[in-house]
Amino acid sequence: MDLSDELKCKRDELANWYREREGSIVAFSGGIDSTLALFLARTFQGRDKAIGVISRSESLKTRDFDFAKDFCETFDIKLEVIKTRELEDARYAKNPANRCFYCKQHLFLDIGVIAQAYPAFAVLSGANHDDLGDFRPGMEAAKKYEVLSPFVDCKIGKSDIRALARHYGLPNWNKPASPCLSSRIPYNQTVTAEKLHQIEAAEEVLFAAGFSNARVRHYGDTARIEVPADELPALLDQKDQINASILKLGFAACEVDEEGLVSGKLNRALGRQ
């Protein structure tokens, strides 16, 4: 896909941003934002100066982890796999409104250990300019640990990221957002490995049924399904089979949210959304 003149200017600004720095260590999740941040580091800084770091955390979908590994192999990018242990942190497990701060704190501290071997490299996140208008406690952690955000600095928003990723032929340029599994649990309800495994397995049921963009919210013993509003009729057509499969995962009840999928819906409890 050809870039507009405006996007060419933004691409050139990003190229200069990366080239002004010795190298990058990118907090990589397999999502489109961090995928592009890592790809651009590889493109503009070179193979030996672009390192992706991903955590094999319980809150990251196996599907996303596998994509991240395959992506780095395909594009010849160095990848370090770590294991963060945020679930062992009571501050995180209690699931407060700023849970993401503690998650990113663990991530950036662990990345900092890797960064000791590359003292001239900057640690980067895939945060984009649109995130500045959202509730993102993780960005406070990034600020505390001096993690840089090329897309924030260059005023690159989500639509720009997708357009650039498409231009470069990145395989997930149009992939739906895939926030961490802990985001499916209402605030102040404990995050456990068991709940995260249930959520992931339930969302795999939906994926197998043809719903590539879906959430399963974990309300105690109840699973609540969200798909885009225009896909609700298709979901209701398969409701009995899907419910039966999800109930086998340990839920006592399964419901369909007839409002449809709304990203960040649980933030409504905070008065934000």
Protein backbone atom coordinates (compact mmCIF):
# COMPACT_ATOMS: atom_id res chain seq x y z
CA MET A 1 0.00 0.00 0.00
CA ASP A 2 1.31 3.44 -0.97
CA LEU A 3 1.61 6.00 1.80
CA SER A 4 -0.03 9.41 1.71
CA ASP A 5 2.27 12.42 1.76
CA GLU A 6 1.32 12.99 5.41
CA LEU A 7 2.22 9.43 6.36
CA LYS A 8 5.48 9.64 4.41
CA CYS A 9 6.42 12.62 6.56
CA LYS A 10 5.52 10.72 9.72
CA ARG A 11 7.50 7.69 8.52
CA ASP A 12 10.51 9.90 7.88
CA GLU A 13 10.16 11.48 11.32
CA LEU A 14 10.12 8.00 12.87
CA ALA A 15 13.19 7.01 10.86
CA ASN A 16 15.05 10.03 12.23
CA TRP A 17 13.82 9.24 15.76
CA TYR A 18 15.29 5.74 15.62
CA ARG A 19 18.50 6.74 13.86
CA GLU A 20 19.25 9.31 16.54
CA ARG A 21 19.54 6.45 19.04
CA GLU A 22 22.19 3.76 19.32
CA GLY A 23 19.79 0.84 19.61
CA SER A 24 16.47 -0.33 21.04
CA ILE A 25 15.11 -2.90 23.45
CA VAL A 26 11.39 -3.11 22.72
CA ALA A 27 8.76 -4.34 25.19
CA PHE A 28 7.01 -6.71 22.77
CA SER A 29 3.56 -8.25 23.24
CA GLY A 30 2.63 -9.38 19.74
CA GLY A 31 0.10 -6.55 19.41
CA ILE A 32 0.21 -4.26 16.41
CA ASP A 33 1.72 -1.27 18.25
CA SER A 34 4.74 -3.03 19.71
CA THR A 35 5.09 -5.11 16.54
CA LEU A 36 5.57 -1.98 14.45
CA ALA A 37 7.85 -0.39 17.07
CA LEU A 38 10.10 -3.45 16.95
CA PHE A 39 9.98 -3.76 13.16
CA LEU A 40 11.00 -0.11 12.74
CA ALA A 41 13.88 -0.58 15.18
CA ARG A 42 15.07 -3.50 13.07
CA THR A 43 14.60 -1.48 9.86
CA PHE A 44 16.21 1.80 10.90
CA GLN A 45 18.81 0.62 13.44
CA GLY A 46 19.82 -2.79 12.13
CA ARG A 47 19.62 -6.39 13.29
CA ASP A 48 22.20 -6.17 16.06
CA LYS A 49 20.67 -3.04 17.53
CA ALA A 50 17.02 -4.08 17.76
CA ILE A 51 15.96 -6.53 20.46
CA GLY A 52 12.43 -7.59 21.31
CA VAL A 53 11.61 -8.75 24.84
CA ILE A 54 8.41 -10.64 25.57
CA SER A 55 7.18 -12.09 28.84
CA ARG A 56 5.58 -15.54 28.89
CA SER A 57 3.09 -14.25 31.42
CA GLU A 58 -0.20 -15.98 32.31
CA SER A 59 -2.00 -12.81 31.20
CA LEU A 60 -0.68 -13.07 27.62
CA LYS A 61 -2.62 -15.31 25.25
CA THR A 62 -0.67 -18.29 23.97
CA ARG A 63 -1.86 -17.33 20.49
CA ASP A 64 -0.22 -13.90 20.84
CA PHE A 65 2.98 -15.36 22.26
CA ASP A 66 3.26 -17.82 19.37
CA PHE A 67 2.65 -15.02 16.87
CA ALA A 68 5.42 -12.95 18.45
CA LYS A 69 7.94 -15.79 18.14
CA ASP A 70 6.96 -16.49 14.53
CA PHE A 71 7.11 -12.80 13.65
CA CYS A 72 10.66 -12.41 14.96
CA GLU A 73 11.77 -15.53 13.12
CA THR A 74 10.19 -14.34 9.87
CA PHE A 75 11.72 -10.86 10.05
CA ASP A 76 15.08 -11.94 11.49
CA ILE A 77 14.69 -10.07 14.76
CA LYS A 78 16.40 -10.95 18.02
CA LEU A 79 13.89 -11.99 20.68
CA GLU A 80 14.45 -12.49 24.40
CA VAL A 81 11.78 -14.42 26.32
CA ILE A 82 11.43 -13.66 30.01
CA LYS A 83 8.99 -14.71 32.72
CA THR A 84 7.50 -11.88 34.75
CA ARG A 85 5.81 -12.87 38.01
CA GLU A 86 3.23 -10.18 38.53
CA LEU A 87 0.67 -12.70 39.79
CA GLU A 88 2.90 -13.24 42.82
CA ASP A 89 2.61 -9.52 43.62
CA ALA A 90 -0.39 -8.94 45.91
CA ARG A 91 -0.71 -5.38 44.62
CA TYR A 92 -1.36 -6.73 41.12
CA ALA A 93 -3.40 -9.77 42.13
CA LYS A 94 -5.88 -7.63 44.08
CA ASN A 95 -6.75 -6.06 40.73
CA PRO A 96 -6.99 -2.38 41.64
CA ALA A 97 -7.79 0.25 39.02
CA ASN A 98 -4.05 0.82 38.52
CA ARG A 99 -3.25 -2.88 38.10
CA CYS A 100 -1.48 -2.12 34.81
CA PHE A 101 1.05 0.02 36.66
CA TYR A 102 2.25 -2.97 38.67
CA CYS A 103 2.27 -5.21 35.58
CA LYS A 104 4.45 -2.76 33.65
CA GLN A 105 6.63 -2.20 36.71
CA HIS A 106 7.52 -5.90 36.76
CA LEU A 107 8.04 -5.91 33.00
CA PHE A 108 10.30 -2.86 32.91
CA LEU A 109 12.33 -4.00 35.92
CA ASP A 110 12.95 -7.37 34.25
CA ILE A 111 13.77 -5.73 30.92
CA GLY A 112 16.19 -3.52 32.85
CA VAL A 113 18.22 -6.61 33.71
CA ILE A 114 18.60 -7.38 29.99
CA ALA A 115 19.33 -3.73 29.26
CA GLN A 116 22.43 -3.87 31.50
CA ALA A 117 24.18 -5.73 28.68
CA TYR A 118 23.26 -2.94 26.24
CA PRO A 119 23.84 0.28 28.19
CA ALA A 120 23.56 2.53 25.13
CA PHE A 121 20.21 1.10 24.02
CA ALA A 122 16.88 2.78 24.84
CA VAL A 123 13.99 0.73 26.22
CA LEU A 124 10.87 1.32 24.11
CA SER A 125 7.16 0.67 24.40
CA GLY A 126 4.53 0.63 21.66
CA ALA A 127 2.35 3.26 23.35
CA ASN A 128 0.84 5.55 20.75
CA HIS A 129 -0.36 9.14 20.72
CA ASP A 130 -4.04 8.13 21.07
CA ASP A 131 -3.23 6.45 24.39
CA LEU A 132 -2.64 9.86 25.94
CA GLY A 133 -6.40 10.41 26.01
CA ASP A 134 -7.18 7.06 27.66
CA PHE A 135 -6.82 5.61 31.17
CA ARG A 136 -3.38 3.97 30.95
CA PRO A 137 -1.67 3.43 34.32
CA GLY A 138 1.05 1.51 32.50
CA MET A 139 2.23 4.75 30.95
CA GLU A 140 3.00 6.05 34.44
CA ALA A 141 5.27 3.06 34.94
CA ALA A 142 6.94 3.78 31.60
CA LYS A 143 7.60 7.34 32.71
CA LYS A 144 9.01 6.18 36.04
CA TYR A 145 11.45 3.77 34.36
CA GLU A 146 12.34 6.16 31.53
CA VAL A 147 10.85 3.98 28.81
CA LEU A 148 10.54 5.84 25.52
CA SER A 149 7.59 5.83 23.12
CA PRO A 150 8.46 6.71 19.51
CA PHE A 151 4.80 6.87 18.50
CA VAL A 152 3.99 9.29 21.30
CA ASP A 153 6.99 11.48 20.52
CA CYS A 154 6.17 11.56 16.80
CA LYS A 155 2.40 11.97 17.33
CA ILE A 156 1.56 8.66 15.65
CA GLY A 157 -1.97 7.39 16.38
CA LYS A 158 -3.57 3.98 15.96
CA SER A 159 -4.81 4.53 12.41
CA ASP A 160 -1.33 5.68 11.38
CA ILE A 161 0.18 2.57 12.94
CA ARG A 162 -2.17 0.28 11.03
CA ALA A 163 -1.50 2.12 7.77
CA LEU A 164 2.28 1.93 8.26
CA ALA A 165 2.09 -1.74 9.24
CA ARG A 166 0.05 -2.48 6.14
CA HIS A 167 2.55 -0.57 4.00
CA TYR A 168 5.39 -2.71 5.37
CA GLY A 169 3.43 -5.93 4.95
CA LEU A 170 3.25 -6.80 8.63
CA PRO A 171 0.94 -9.80 9.08
CA ASN A 172 -1.08 -8.34 11.96
CA TRP A 173 -1.73 -4.88 10.49
CA ASN A 174 -5.52 -5.37 10.75
CA LYS A 175 -5.60 -7.74 13.72
CA PRO A 176 -8.17 -6.75 16.37
CA ALA A 177 -6.81 -5.38 19.63
CA SER A 178 -5.88 -8.12 22.08
CA PRO A 179 -5.48 -6.63 25.57
CA CYS A 180 -4.13 -8.77 28.38
CA LEU A 181 -6.38 -11.46 29.82
CA SER A 182 -6.47 -9.76 33.23
CA SER A 183 -8.46 -6.94 31.65
CA ARG A 184 -11.45 -9.32 31.45
CA ILE A 185 -11.77 -9.43 35.25
CA PRO A 186 -13.68 -6.57 36.97
CA TYR A 187 -11.57 -4.32 39.16
CA ASN A 188 -11.10 -5.44 42.77
CA GLN A 189 -11.90 -9.06 41.91
CA THR A 190 -8.75 -11.14 42.41
CA VAL A 191 -6.68 -12.10 39.39
CA THR A 192 -5.61 -15.77 39.51
CA ALA A 193 -3.92 -18.08 37.06
CA GLU A 194 -7.04 -20.30 37.10
CA LYS A 195 -9.28 -17.41 36.00
CA LEU A 196 -6.88 -16.40 33.25
CA HIS A 197 -6.74 -19.96 31.91
CA GLN A 198 -10.56 -20.12 31.92
CA ILE A 199 -10.82 -16.83 30.02
CA GLU A 200 -8.27 -17.88 27.42
CA ALA A 201 -9.93 -21.26 26.87
CA ALA A 202 -13.36 -19.64 26.56
CA GLU A 203 -12.09 -17.16 23.99
CA GLU A 204 -10.54 -20.04 22.05
CA VAL A 205 -14.03 -21.58 21.88
CA LEU A 206 -15.26 -18.38 20.26
CA PHE A 207 -12.29 -18.21 17.90
CA ALA A 208 -12.98 -21.78 16.75
CA ALA A 209 -16.59 -20.78 16.12
CA GLY A 210 -15.49 -18.00 13.78
CA PHE A 211 -15.32 -14.98 16.08
CA SER A 212 -11.83 -13.49 15.76
CA ASN A 213 -12.66 -10.41 17.84
CA ALA A 214 -14.27 -11.43 21.11
CA ARG A 215 -13.96 -11.00 24.86
CA VAL A 216 -15.08 -13.25 27.67
CA ARG A 217 -15.49 -11.26 30.88
CA HIS A 218 -15.06 -13.24 34.09
CA TYR A 219 -17.76 -12.40 36.63
CA GLY A 220 -17.12 -14.93 39.39
CA ASP A 221 -18.87 -18.09 38.23
CA THR A 222 -20.37 -16.38 35.17
CA ALA A 223 -18.79 -15.92 31.75
CA ARG A 224 -20.10 -12.95 29.76
CA ILE A 225 -19.41 -12.98 26.03
CA GLU A 226 -18.82 -9.85 23.97
CA VAL A 227 -18.54 -9.79 20.18
CA PRO A 228 -19.00 -6.81 17.82
CA ALA A 229 -22.64 -5.75 17.64
CA ASP A 230 -22.95 -6.72 13.97
CA GLU A 231 -21.83 -10.27 14.83
CA LEU A 232 -24.42 -10.79 17.58
CA PRO A 233 -26.94 -12.58 15.28
CA ALA A 234 -24.27 -15.11 14.26
CA LEU A 235 -23.32 -15.60 17.92
CA LEU A 236 -26.94 -16.13 18.99
CA ASP A 237 -27.35 -18.74 16.23
CA GLN A 238 -24.59 -20.78 17.89
CA LYS A 239 -25.36 -19.81 21.47
CA ASP A 240 -26.33 -23.27 22.74
CA GLN A 241 -23.22 -25.02 21.42
CA ILE A 242 -20.90 -22.23 22.56
CA ASN A 243 -22.47 -22.06 26.01
CA ALA A 244 -22.13 -25.81 26.46
CA SER A 245 -18.41 -25.67 25.61
CA ILE A 246 -17.76 -22.72 27.93
CA LEU A 247 -19.65 -24.26 30.85
CA LYS A 248 -17.30 -27.27 30.64
CA LEU A 249 -14.46 -24.91 31.59
CA GLY A 250 -15.80 -24.48 35.11
CA PHE A 251 -18.28 -21.64 34.76
CA ALA A 252 -21.74 -22.08 36.29
CA ALA A 253 -23.39 -19.74 33.80
CA CYS A 254 -22.69 -18.15 30.43
CA GLU A 255 -24.31 -14.96 29.12
CA VAL A 256 -24.20 -12.90 25.93
CA ASP A 257 -23.68 -9.16 26.36
CA GLU A 258 -26.23 -7.82 23.89
CA GLU A 259 -24.62 -4.37 23.81
CA GLY A 260 -21.75 -5.94 21.93
CA LEU A 261 -18.02 -5.60 22.34
CA VAL A 262 -16.84 -2.32 23.85
CA SER A 263 -13.13 -1.99 24.49
CA GLY A 264 -12.41 -0.92 28.06
CA LYS A 265 -15.97 -1.59 29.18
CA LEU A 266 -14.89 -2.40 32.72
CA ASN A 267 -13.49 1.12 33.04
CA ARG A 268 -17.08 2.35 33.32
CA ALA A 269 -16.91 1.38 36.96
CA LEU A 270 -14.28 4.10 37.33
CA GLY A 271 -16.43 6.74 35.66
CA ARG A 272 -14.25 6.60 32.54
CA GLN A 273 -15.72 5.47 29.21
